[in-house]
Each structure stands twice: as C-alpha cells, then as structure tokens.
Amino acid sequence: MPEVVGVDFQTAKIDNTLYGGIGRVTLRFEYSLGRRELIKVFADGGAQMKYSIIDYPTVGSFDELLWGPYVKAGFRISF
C-alpha cells in the first residue's frame, strides 16, 4: 500500500462475539365478506422481542433486550 503524506492510518482489530435472537407472538383475526369471500378484513396484533449479547474480550459481556407491541390492520380484495 503506498504511503500518503499527512495521513496516519490506524488498524482496528475486531475480536468480539455477537449472539442473539428474535421472537414474535401474533394473534390474527380475519373476517370474510360476500358470498364468494373476495373481500377480507384482517387485524394482527402481538409483541415482538429482540435479545442480543455482545462479548468483548477486554471489557466483558453486555446484553440488551428490546421489545414492544405492534398492530397491523387492513383489507384485501381478490379478483
């Protein structure tokens, strides 16, 4: 690599380990309209969670739990 005058490049060693997981709990309600059931109204609701652990060799482990509710509603028309 050629040297650049006035620029001092620093190298970083990434030596950490990341573990984690994602989970979701969902309830779904759906109602069909019409004889042929071409129109559907639906609603989803539940909770979503994310857990992660980062292990740094020099300073130890840190963990984090993020969670929250979510709601989704809508309708679908089939042709």
C-alpha atoms as a PDB file:
ATOM      1  CA  MET A   1       0.000   0.000   0.000  1.00  0.00           C
ATOM      2  CA  PRO A   2       1.520   3.339  -0.948  1.00  0.00           C
ATOM      3  CA  GLU A   3       2.154   5.892   1.773  1.00  0.00           C
ATOM      4  CA  VAL A   4       0.013   9.048   1.767  1.00  0.00           C
ATOM      5  CA  VAL A   5       1.719  12.161   3.134  1.00  0.00           C
ATOM      6  CA  GLY A   6      -0.075  13.590   6.186  1.00  0.00           C
ATOM      7  CA  VAL A   7      -2.410  10.624   6.706  1.00  0.00           C
ATOM      8  CA  ASP A   8      -1.787   8.157   9.519  1.00  0.00           C
ATOM      9  CA  PHE A   9      -3.949   5.044   9.022  1.00  0.00           C
ATOM     10  CA  GLN A  10      -4.981   3.180  12.172  1.00  0.00           C
ATOM     11  CA  THR A  11      -5.830  -0.507  12.071  1.00  0.00           C
ATOM     12  CA  ALA A  12      -8.606  -1.905  14.204  1.00  0.00           C
ATOM     13  CA  LYS A  13      -8.880  -5.467  15.420  1.00  0.00           C
ATOM     14  CA  ILE A  14     -12.465  -6.650  15.702  1.00  0.00           C
ATOM     15  CA  ASP A  15     -12.438  -9.527  18.146  1.00  0.00           C
ATOM     16  CA  ASN A  16     -15.900  -9.601  19.679  1.00  0.00           C
ATOM     17  CA  THR A  17     -18.678 -12.175  19.534  1.00  0.00           C
ATOM     18  CA  LEU A  18     -22.355 -11.414  18.945  1.00  0.00           C
ATOM     19  CA  TYR A  19     -25.213 -13.738  19.908  1.00  0.00           C
ATOM     20  CA  GLY A  20     -28.918 -13.039  19.737  1.00  0.00           C
ATOM     21  CA  GLY A  21     -32.396 -13.965  18.701  1.00  0.00           C
ATOM     22  CA  ILE A  22     -35.690 -12.516  17.529  1.00  0.00           C
ATOM     23  CA  GLY A  23     -39.155 -13.705  18.538  1.00  0.00           C
ATOM     24  CA  ARG A  24     -42.703 -12.701  17.725  1.00  0.00           C
ATOM     25  CA  VAL A  25     -46.087 -13.602  19.205  1.00  0.00           C
ATOM     26  CA  THR A  26     -49.040 -12.824  16.920  1.00  0.00           C
ATOM     27  CA  LEU A  27     -52.818 -13.039  17.102  1.00  0.00           C
ATOM     28  CA  ARG A  28     -54.691 -12.736  13.805  1.00  0.00           C
ATOM     29  CA  PHE A  29     -58.379 -12.034  13.254  1.00  0.00           C
ATOM     30  CA  GLU A  30     -59.850 -12.304   9.772  1.00  0.00           C
ATOM     31  CA  TYR A  31     -63.397 -11.806   8.524  1.00  0.00           C
ATOM     32  CA  SER A  32     -64.561 -12.646   5.004  1.00  0.00           C
ATOM     33  CA  LEU A  33     -67.304 -10.642   3.303  1.00  0.00           C
ATOM     34  CA  GLY A  34     -69.655 -11.661   0.485  1.00  0.00           C
ATOM     35  CA  ARG A  35     -70.802 -14.984  -0.889  1.00  0.00           C
ATOM     36  CA  ARG A  36     -67.553 -15.680  -2.692  1.00  0.00           C
ATOM     37  CA  GLU A  37     -65.457 -14.244   0.155  1.00  0.00           C
ATOM     38  CA  LEU A  38     -63.480 -11.990  -2.194  1.00  0.00           C
ATOM     39  CA  ILE A  39     -63.136  -9.200   0.393  1.00  0.00           C
ATOM     40  CA  LYS A  40     -61.356  -9.916   3.659  1.00  0.00           C
ATOM     41  CA  VAL A  41     -60.816  -7.626   6.623  1.00  0.00           C
ATOM     42  CA  PHE A  42     -57.993  -8.544   8.989  1.00  0.00           C
ATOM     43  CA  ALA A  43     -56.154  -7.357  12.091  1.00  0.00           C
ATOM     44  CA  ASP A  44     -52.864  -8.595  13.528  1.00  0.00           C
ATOM     45  CA  GLY A  45     -51.575  -7.780  16.986  1.00  0.00           C
ATOM     46  CA  GLY A  46     -48.870  -9.039  19.278  1.00  0.00           C
ATOM     47  CA  ALA A  47     -45.433  -8.451  20.721  1.00  0.00           C
ATOM     48  CA  GLN A  48     -42.012  -8.550  19.120  1.00  0.00           C
ATOM     49  CA  MET A  49     -38.778  -9.186  21.038  1.00  0.00           C
ATOM     50  CA  LYS A  50     -35.065  -8.980  20.227  1.00  0.00           C
ATOM     51  CA  TYR A  51     -32.278 -10.164  22.538  1.00  0.00           C
ATOM     52  CA  SER A  52     -28.572  -9.753  21.916  1.00  0.00           C
ATOM     53  CA  ILE A  53     -25.332 -10.440  23.821  1.00  0.00           C
ATOM     54  CA  ILE A  54     -22.009  -8.935  22.756  1.00  0.00           C
ATOM     55  CA  ASP A  55     -18.853 -10.418  24.291  1.00  0.00           C
ATOM     56  CA  TYR A  56     -15.848  -8.092  24.229  1.00  0.00           C
ATOM     57  CA  PRO A  57     -12.599  -9.853  25.179  1.00  0.00           C
ATOM     58  CA  THR A  58     -11.171  -6.942  27.173  1.00  0.00           C
ATOM     59  CA  VAL A  59     -14.231  -5.399  28.902  1.00  0.00           C
ATOM     60  CA  GLY A  60     -16.712  -8.284  29.329  1.00  0.00           C
ATOM     61  CA  SER A  61     -20.222  -9.039  28.098  1.00  0.00           C
ATOM     62  CA  PHE A  62     -23.154  -6.702  27.553  1.00  0.00           C
ATOM     63  CA  ASP A  63     -26.722  -7.776  26.847  1.00  0.00           C
ATOM     64  CA  GLU A  64     -29.802  -5.981  25.588  1.00  0.00           C
ATOM     65  CA  LEU A  65     -33.499  -6.877  25.471  1.00  0.00           C
ATOM     66  CA  LEU A  66     -35.748  -4.828  23.197  1.00  0.00           C
ATOM     67  CA  TRP A  67     -39.473  -5.499  22.982  1.00  0.00           C
ATOM     68  CA  GLY A  68     -42.671  -3.801  22.061  1.00  0.00           C
ATOM     69  CA  PRO A  69     -46.228  -4.293  20.875  1.00  0.00           C
ATOM     70  CA  TYR A  70     -47.366  -3.987  17.279  1.00  0.00           C
ATOM     71  CA  VAL A  71     -50.699  -3.778  15.466  1.00  0.00           C
ATOM     72  CA  LYS A  72     -51.457  -4.154  11.771  1.00  0.00           C
ATOM     73  CA  ALA A  73     -54.914  -3.816  10.199  1.00  0.00           C
ATOM     74  CA  GLY A  74     -56.164  -3.831   6.634  1.00  0.00           C
ATOM     75  CA  PHE A  75     -58.323  -5.340   3.968  1.00  0.00           C
ATOM     76  CA  ARG A  76     -57.731  -7.478   0.908  1.00  0.00           C
ATOM     77  CA  ILE A  77     -59.732  -7.672  -2.296  1.00  0.00           C
ATOM     78  CA  SER A  78     -59.327 -10.681  -4.597  1.00  0.00           C
ATOM     79  CA  PHE A  79     -60.289 -10.627  -8.287  1.00  0.00           C
END
